[in-house]
Amino acid sequence: MNTRQLKQRFMQHLDPVLLAGLGLFGLVSLAMLYSASDGSWLRVLAQFGNIAVAFVAMWVVANMPLHYLMRAAVPMYVLGMILLLLVMTPLGVNSHGATRWLNIGVATIQPSELMKIAVPLMMAWYFEKNEAMLTLKNYVVATVLLLLPIALIANQPDLGTSILIYASGFYVLFLAGLSWRIMIGGTLAAVASAPFLWSMLHDYQRHRILMLLDPTQDALGKGYHTIQGMIAVGSGGILGKGFMNGTQTHLDFLPERTTDFIFAVWSEEFGLIGNLLLLGLYAFVIGRGFIITANASTYFTRLMAGSITLTFFTYAFVNMGMVSGILPVVGVPLPLISYGGTSMLTLMLGFGMLMSIHTHKKLVKT
């Protein structure tokens, strides 16, 4: 087998358009981490390792036939639920007041990350199995499949991950044809139950919402993140201050600048023009995801592709809104750019599924 054949075989189940967009995100991530970490090559190399592992995982999933993905739905969901329950036992690891991790001896894992893929996969599988005659009962069962892991994750507490998993599941319900009347009714019911939901929030979660309304009431405490993020975004102006020249970043005013608030670093250094270019890159990848969704050959693949694409949009929207001060600070990283291996891996597994959906046109029924 010559070099050309090897290349063709390697690229057989990769979508070149989507791959190009993801590659650009990788370069942006490394450049911004170099700036946000004050030129730390150790942080850049660590992120390069995260990206490399995530791309390998994406390639493996992209080469999986679609019936393998369907077969994985139930075991992955059940495994995730078991791990979430184990987090509530002495095996759960508490850090910064939250018990979100599980000590399995050789490593510490965060089971909620698995559910970002497992929940929409399970719901899409369920709707595929009942596609011939969907009734209200099917939507109720799918909603229960969604709410069970969300309840466990919210109890950890982890509001950011709960929101993302809820979004991924809601998109499956929406794409599966859930009635607008039911969605509007559910929204009105949620608004009516706001006082009850408010009482269920942890103190720090209520503080975050209050800080969104007026962060200056505790400018050096709970409102600090919001204020510094808005200052950094606004100080970039039209053209930005230039790469490595952001004062909020390099004078250590900006918190969590390599993770949740890396968008503020980008905004300060590249300004409005840079933000428009970054939004264009996100729109490019999201648009490609919608094209794959529209061309998906089966009910299962349409639901999965649409959910993955819309959830990626939600990641970006929530992070940018959080940094810009229009949403509460909920600890959601900027997708494909913030430092971190778990989030990067989860996202790339989703894009691997998109590529598998695009290149494996025929779904083998199981």
Protein backbone atom coordinates (compact mmCIF):
# COMPACT_ATOMS: atom_id res chain seq x y z
CA MET A 1 0.00 0.00 0.00
CA ASN A 2 1.58 3.30 -1.14
CA THR A 3 1.50 6.68 0.60
CA ARG A 4 -1.45 7.93 -1.44
CA GLN A 5 -3.56 4.89 -0.58
CA LEU A 6 -2.67 5.23 3.10
CA LYS A 7 -3.73 8.90 3.03
CA GLN A 8 -7.01 8.06 1.30
CA ARG A 9 -7.74 5.31 3.81
CA PHE A 10 -6.91 7.60 6.75
CA MET A 11 -9.16 10.38 5.40
CA GLN A 12 -11.93 8.07 4.18
CA HIS A 13 -14.34 8.87 7.01
CA LEU A 14 -13.19 12.39 7.81
CA ASP A 15 -15.07 15.39 6.46
CA PRO A 16 -12.41 17.76 5.03
CA VAL A 17 -14.57 20.88 5.50
CA LEU A 18 -15.32 20.18 9.15
CA LEU A 19 -11.74 19.05 9.73
CA ALA A 20 -10.42 22.36 8.39
CA GLY A 21 -12.61 24.33 10.79
CA LEU A 22 -11.58 22.19 13.76
CA GLY A 23 -7.92 22.55 12.79
CA LEU A 24 -8.26 26.35 12.80
CA PHE A 25 -9.81 26.17 16.26
CA GLY A 26 -6.82 24.14 17.44
CA LEU A 27 -4.40 26.82 16.21
CA VAL A 28 -6.44 29.60 17.81
CA SER A 29 -6.54 27.68 21.09
CA LEU A 30 -2.75 27.24 21.22
CA ALA A 31 -2.10 30.89 20.33
CA MET A 32 -4.55 32.25 22.90
CA LEU A 33 -3.28 29.96 25.64
CA TYR A 34 0.25 31.16 24.96
CA SER A 35 -0.93 34.74 25.49
CA ALA A 36 -3.30 34.04 28.40
CA SER A 37 -0.63 32.08 30.28
CA ASP A 38 2.01 34.82 29.82
CA GLY A 39 4.00 32.79 27.34
CA SER A 40 3.97 29.46 29.20
CA TRP A 41 5.08 26.77 26.77
CA LEU A 42 4.20 24.11 29.34
CA ARG A 43 0.55 25.15 29.20
CA VAL A 44 0.67 25.26 25.38
CA LEU A 45 2.26 21.81 25.14
CA ALA A 46 -0.27 20.40 27.59
CA GLN A 47 -3.10 21.76 25.44
CA PHE A 48 -1.42 20.39 22.33
CA GLY A 49 -1.51 16.98 24.00
CA ASN A 50 -5.21 17.46 24.80
CA ILE A 51 -5.92 18.39 21.18
CA ALA A 52 -3.93 15.43 19.85
CA VAL A 53 -5.78 12.93 22.05
CA ALA A 54 -9.13 14.51 21.13
CA PHE A 55 -8.39 14.32 17.38
CA VAL A 56 -7.42 10.65 17.71
CA ALA A 57 -10.69 9.95 19.54
CA MET A 58 -12.58 11.87 16.83
CA TRP A 59 -10.91 9.75 14.11
CA VAL A 60 -11.79 6.51 15.92
CA VAL A 61 -15.47 7.50 16.29
CA ALA A 62 -15.63 8.80 12.71
CA ASN A 63 -14.58 5.36 11.50
CA MET A 64 -17.28 3.59 13.52
CA PRO A 65 -20.26 2.34 11.47
CA LEU A 66 -23.50 3.95 12.60
CA HIS A 67 -25.01 0.76 13.97
CA TYR A 68 -22.10 0.64 16.44
CA LEU A 69 -23.13 4.07 17.69
CA MET A 70 -26.70 2.84 18.15
CA ARG A 71 -25.53 -0.24 20.02
CA ALA A 72 -23.45 1.95 22.34
CA ALA A 73 -26.43 4.15 23.36
CA VAL A 74 -27.98 2.03 26.12
CA PRO A 75 -24.72 0.72 27.67
CA MET A 76 -23.21 4.23 27.68
CA TYR A 77 -26.29 5.75 29.31
CA VAL A 78 -26.54 3.02 31.96
CA LEU A 79 -22.82 3.25 32.71
CA GLY A 80 -23.09 7.02 33.04
CA MET A 81 -26.01 6.77 35.46
CA ILE A 82 -24.15 4.21 37.59
CA LEU A 83 -21.09 6.46 37.73
CA LEU A 84 -23.24 9.47 38.68
CA LEU A 85 -24.74 7.46 41.53
CA LEU A 86 -21.26 6.37 42.66
CA VAL A 87 -20.28 10.05 42.88
CA MET A 88 -22.75 10.28 45.77
CA THR A 89 -20.89 7.53 47.67
CA PRO A 90 -17.55 7.81 49.54
CA LEU A 91 -15.85 7.25 46.18
CA GLY A 92 -16.92 10.76 45.17
CA VAL A 93 -14.21 13.42 45.31
CA ASN A 94 -15.11 16.83 46.76
CA SER A 95 -13.32 19.90 45.45
CA HIS A 96 -14.19 23.58 46.01
CA GLY A 97 -17.46 22.62 47.67
CA ALA A 98 -18.71 20.37 44.86
CA THR A 99 -18.63 16.59 44.51
CA ARG A 100 -18.41 16.06 40.76
CA TRP A 101 -15.54 13.61 40.41
CA LEU A 102 -15.11 9.90 40.98
CA ASN A 103 -11.96 8.20 42.19
CA ILE A 104 -11.56 4.91 40.27
CA GLY A 105 -8.11 4.14 41.64
CA VAL A 106 -5.92 4.80 38.62
CA ALA A 107 -7.53 8.16 37.83
CA THR A 108 -10.18 10.69 38.83
CA ILE A 109 -12.99 11.09 36.28
CA GLN A 110 -16.00 13.39 35.91
CA PRO A 111 -18.98 11.18 34.95
CA SER A 112 -21.16 14.16 33.98
CA GLU A 113 -18.94 14.73 30.92
CA LEU A 114 -19.87 11.27 29.61
CA MET A 115 -23.55 12.20 29.82
CA LYS A 116 -23.09 15.09 27.38
CA ILE A 117 -22.82 12.39 24.71
CA ALA A 118 -24.77 9.57 26.35
CA VAL A 119 -28.02 11.48 26.96
CA PRO A 120 -28.72 12.68 23.38
CA LEU A 121 -27.45 9.32 22.04
CA MET A 122 -29.87 7.42 24.27
CA MET A 123 -32.80 9.70 23.43
CA ALA A 124 -32.10 9.49 19.68
CA TRP A 125 -31.92 5.68 19.98
CA TYR A 126 -35.24 5.63 21.84
CA PHE A 127 -37.01 7.76 19.23
CA GLU A 128 -35.51 5.66 16.43
CA LYS A 129 -36.97 2.52 18.02
CA ASN A 130 -40.42 4.13 18.25
CA GLU A 131 -40.32 6.16 15.03
CA ALA A 132 -43.26 4.33 13.40
CA MET A 133 -45.84 5.68 15.88
CA LEU A 134 -44.68 8.43 18.24
CA THR A 135 -47.18 9.35 20.94
CA LEU A 136 -47.16 11.69 23.93
CA LYS A 137 -46.04 8.73 26.05
CA ASN A 138 -42.81 8.47 24.05
CA TYR A 139 -42.00 12.13 24.64
CA VAL A 140 -42.70 11.70 28.38
CA VAL A 141 -40.35 8.70 28.57
CA ALA A 142 -37.64 10.60 26.65
CA THR A 143 -38.07 13.55 29.02
CA VAL A 144 -37.58 11.25 32.01
CA LEU A 145 -34.40 9.88 30.40
CA LEU A 146 -33.22 13.48 30.19
CA LEU A 147 -34.23 14.67 33.65
CA LEU A 148 -32.79 11.76 35.65
CA PRO A 149 -29.10 12.54 34.97
CA ILE A 150 -29.76 16.30 35.15
CA ALA A 151 -31.17 15.90 38.68
CA LEU A 152 -28.07 13.97 39.78
CA ILE A 153 -25.67 16.46 38.19
CA ALA A 154 -27.49 19.52 39.55
CA ASN A 155 -27.22 17.96 43.01
CA GLN A 156 -23.40 17.82 42.82
CA PRO A 157 -23.84 20.86 42.22
CA ASP A 158 -22.85 21.60 38.61
CA LEU A 159 -25.22 24.12 37.01
CA GLY A 160 -23.15 24.65 33.85
CA THR A 161 -23.02 20.97 32.88
CA SER A 162 -26.71 20.57 33.77
CA ILE A 163 -27.61 23.36 31.35
CA LEU A 164 -25.57 21.84 28.52
CA ILE A 165 -27.03 18.36 29.01
CA TYR A 166 -30.54 19.79 29.22
CA ALA A 167 -29.91 21.67 25.97
CA SER A 168 -28.62 18.56 24.19
CA GLY A 169 -31.67 16.57 25.26
CA PHE A 170 -34.15 19.36 24.53
CA TYR A 171 -32.79 19.62 20.99
CA VAL A 172 -33.49 15.91 20.45
CA LEU A 173 -37.05 16.41 21.68
CA PHE A 174 -37.46 19.44 19.41
CA LEU A 175 -36.06 17.69 16.34
CA ALA A 176 -38.21 14.64 17.09
CA GLY A 177 -41.28 16.81 16.58
CA LEU A 178 -42.36 17.81 20.08
CA SER A 179 -45.45 19.98 19.81
CA TRP A 180 -45.00 23.76 20.04
CA ARG A 181 -47.97 23.85 22.40
CA ILE A 182 -46.19 21.53 24.82
CA MET A 183 -42.96 23.52 24.59
CA ILE A 184 -44.75 26.82 25.20
CA GLY A 185 -46.73 25.27 28.04
CA GLY A 186 -43.55 23.89 29.60
CA THR A 187 -41.91 27.30 29.35
CA LEU A 188 -44.85 29.00 31.04
CA ALA A 189 -44.84 26.33 33.76
CA ALA A 190 -41.11 26.90 34.35
CA VAL A 191 -41.69 30.65 34.66
CA ALA A 192 -44.57 30.08 37.09
CA SER A 193 -42.42 27.76 39.22
CA ALA A 194 -39.50 30.24 39.34
CA PRO A 195 -39.93 30.96 43.09
CA PHE A 196 -39.77 27.23 43.85
CA LEU A 197 -36.77 26.73 41.57
CA TRP A 198 -35.06 29.73 43.18
CA SER A 199 -35.39 28.11 46.61
CA MET A 200 -33.74 24.94 45.27
CA LEU A 201 -30.63 26.77 44.07
CA HIS A 202 -27.47 26.74 46.16
CA ASP A 203 -26.40 30.02 47.73
CA TYR A 204 -23.53 30.55 45.30
CA GLN A 205 -25.87 29.97 42.33
CA ARG A 206 -28.33 32.59 43.61
CA HIS A 207 -25.44 35.00 44.13
CA ARG A 208 -24.33 34.52 40.52
CA ILE A 209 -27.78 35.45 39.23
CA LEU A 210 -27.95 38.48 41.53
CA MET A 211 -24.48 39.55 40.40
CA LEU A 212 -25.71 39.44 36.80
CA LEU A 213 -28.34 42.05 37.69
CA ASP A 214 -25.87 44.30 39.52
CA PRO A 215 -22.26 43.03 39.81
CA THR A 216 -21.15 46.31 41.43
CA GLN A 217 -22.90 45.42 44.69
CA ASP A 218 -19.93 43.11 45.42
CA ALA A 219 -17.33 44.36 42.96
CA LEU A 220 -14.35 42.76 44.72
CA GLY A 221 -16.15 39.55 45.61
CA LYS A 222 -18.88 37.64 43.81
CA GLY A 223 -19.24 40.26 41.06
CA TYR A 224 -15.52 40.42 40.31
CA HIS A 225 -15.52 37.88 37.47
CA THR A 226 -18.39 39.58 35.65
CA ILE A 227 -16.96 43.07 35.99
CA GLN A 228 -13.45 42.13 34.85
CA GLY A 229 -14.81 40.16 31.91
CA MET A 230 -16.88 43.13 30.73
CA ILE A 231 -13.93 45.51 31.16
CA ALA A 232 -11.67 43.25 29.09
CA VAL A 233 -14.24 42.80 26.32
CA GLY A 234 -14.97 46.53 26.14
CA SER A 235 -11.36 47.69 26.35
CA GLY A 236 -10.48 45.90 23.12
CA GLY A 237 -12.35 48.49 21.09
CA ILE A 238 -12.58 48.01 17.34
CA LEU A 239 -9.13 46.63 16.51
CA GLY A 240 -7.93 45.37 19.90
CA LYS A 241 -4.69 46.04 21.76
CA GLY A 242 -2.68 43.44 19.88
CA PHE A 243 -1.46 39.93 20.60
CA MET A 244 0.08 39.62 24.11
CA ASN A 245 -0.76 43.29 24.83
CA GLY A 246 -3.98 42.92 26.81
CA THR A 247 -3.63 44.87 30.05
CA GLN A 248 -6.49 43.18 31.93
CA THR A 249 -4.93 39.83 31.10
CA HIS A 250 -1.24 40.49 31.69
CA LEU A 251 -1.69 42.67 34.76
CA ASP A 252 -3.59 39.74 36.35
CA PHE A 253 -6.95 41.47 36.70
CA LEU A 254 -8.78 38.88 34.58
CA PRO A 255 -9.64 35.64 36.46
CA GLU A 256 -9.70 32.14 34.92
CA ARG A 257 -8.15 33.59 31.79
CA THR A 258 -6.96 30.28 30.33
CA THR A 259 -10.29 28.53 30.85
CA ASP A 260 -13.75 30.10 31.29
CA PHE A 261 -12.71 33.70 30.48
CA ILE A 262 -10.39 33.12 27.54
CA PHE A 263 -12.93 34.87 25.28
CA ALA A 264 -12.21 38.06 27.24
CA VAL A 265 -8.50 37.64 26.42
CA TRP A 266 -9.34 37.30 22.72
CA SER A 267 -11.70 40.30 22.82
CA GLU A 268 -9.16 42.55 24.51
CA GLU A 269 -6.34 41.65 22.13
CA PHE A 270 -8.27 41.55 18.83
CA GLY A 271 -11.29 43.78 19.46
CA LEU A 272 -14.58 43.81 17.62
CA ILE A 273 -13.00 42.76 14.31
CA GLY A 274 -11.42 39.75 15.97
CA ASN A 275 -14.71 38.84 17.61
CA LEU A 276 -16.48 38.94 14.26
CA LEU A 277 -13.82 36.66 12.77
CA LEU A 278 -14.17 34.24 15.69
CA LEU A 279 -17.95 34.26 15.36
CA GLY A 280 -17.47 33.57 11.65
CA LEU A 281 -15.37 30.51 12.47
CA TYR A 282 -18.02 29.22 14.86
CA ALA A 283 -20.70 29.90 12.23
CA PHE A 284 -18.63 27.96 9.67
CA VAL A 285 -18.44 24.83 11.84
CA ILE A 286 -22.08 25.12 12.97
CA GLY A 287 -23.22 25.65 9.39
CA ARG A 288 -21.35 22.53 8.28
CA GLY A 289 -23.02 20.63 11.10
CA PHE A 290 -26.44 21.76 9.86
CA ILE A 291 -25.60 20.63 6.32
CA ILE A 292 -24.65 17.19 7.65
CA THR A 293 -27.89 17.14 9.64
CA ALA A 294 -29.98 18.05 6.60
CA ASN A 295 -28.34 15.30 4.52
CA ALA A 296 -28.52 12.60 7.22
CA SER A 297 -30.12 9.45 5.86
CA THR A 298 -32.07 8.22 8.90
CA TYR A 299 -34.18 9.47 11.78
CA PHE A 300 -31.52 8.50 14.35
CA THR A 301 -28.71 10.27 12.51
CA ARG A 302 -30.76 13.45 11.98
CA LEU A 303 -31.58 13.65 15.67
CA MET A 304 -27.97 13.03 16.73
CA ALA A 305 -26.39 15.38 14.18
CA GLY A 306 -28.84 18.17 14.97
CA SER A 307 -28.37 17.80 18.72
CA ILE A 308 -24.56 17.80 18.46
CA THR A 309 -24.56 20.90 16.27
CA LEU A 310 -27.05 22.88 18.35
CA THR A 311 -25.31 21.90 21.60
CA PHE A 312 -22.01 23.19 20.20
CA PHE A 313 -23.79 26.48 19.46
CA THR A 314 -25.10 26.52 23.05
CA TYR A 315 -21.57 26.03 24.42
CA ALA A 316 -20.32 29.09 22.54
CA PHE A 317 -23.39 31.24 23.26
CA VAL A 318 -23.38 30.55 27.01
CA ASN A 319 -19.65 31.21 27.39
CA MET A 320 -19.64 34.42 25.37
CA GLY A 321 -22.79 35.63 27.13
CA MET A 322 -21.27 34.82 30.50
CA VAL A 323 -18.03 36.69 29.76
CA SER A 324 -19.91 39.65 28.25
CA GLY A 325 -22.15 40.02 31.31
CA ILE A 326 -25.49 39.09 29.72
CA LEU A 327 -25.65 35.62 31.35
CA PRO A 328 -24.70 34.39 34.85
CA VAL A 329 -21.24 32.91 35.39
CA VAL A 330 -21.90 29.16 35.20
CA GLY A 331 -18.47 27.70 34.50
CA VAL A 332 -18.86 26.77 30.82
CA PRO A 333 -15.58 26.87 28.82
CA LEU A 334 -15.27 28.43 25.36
CA PRO A 335 -15.59 25.36 23.12
CA LEU A 336 -12.41 24.16 21.38
CA ILE A 337 -10.39 27.13 22.70
CA SER A 338 -10.37 27.05 26.52
CA TYR A 339 -7.70 24.99 28.23
CA GLY A 340 -8.81 21.54 29.32
CA GLY A 341 -8.79 17.96 28.14
CA THR A 342 -12.20 16.65 29.21
CA SER A 343 -14.28 19.28 27.43
CA MET A 344 -12.10 19.06 24.32
CA LEU A 345 -12.46 15.27 24.23
CA THR A 346 -16.24 15.38 24.65
CA LEU A 347 -16.65 17.92 21.86
CA MET A 348 -14.39 16.02 19.46
CA LEU A 349 -16.24 12.78 20.13
CA GLY A 350 -19.38 14.62 19.03
CA PHE A 351 -17.68 15.86 15.86
CA GLY A 352 -16.46 12.32 15.23
CA MET A 353 -20.09 11.23 15.30
CA LEU A 354 -20.96 13.99 12.84
CA MET A 355 -18.27 12.74 10.46
CA SER A 356 -19.47 9.16 10.85
CA ILE A 357 -23.03 10.27 10.05
CA HIS A 358 -21.77 12.12 6.98
CA THR A 359 -19.59 9.32 5.57
CA HIS A 360 -21.54 6.21 6.60
CA LYS A 361 -24.67 6.90 4.62
CA LYS A 362 -26.49 3.63 5.24
CA LEU A 363 -27.56 2.78 8.79
CA VAL A 364 -27.63 -0.94 9.55
CA LYS A 365 -30.71 -1.69 11.63
CA THR A 366 -30.12 -3.52 14.91
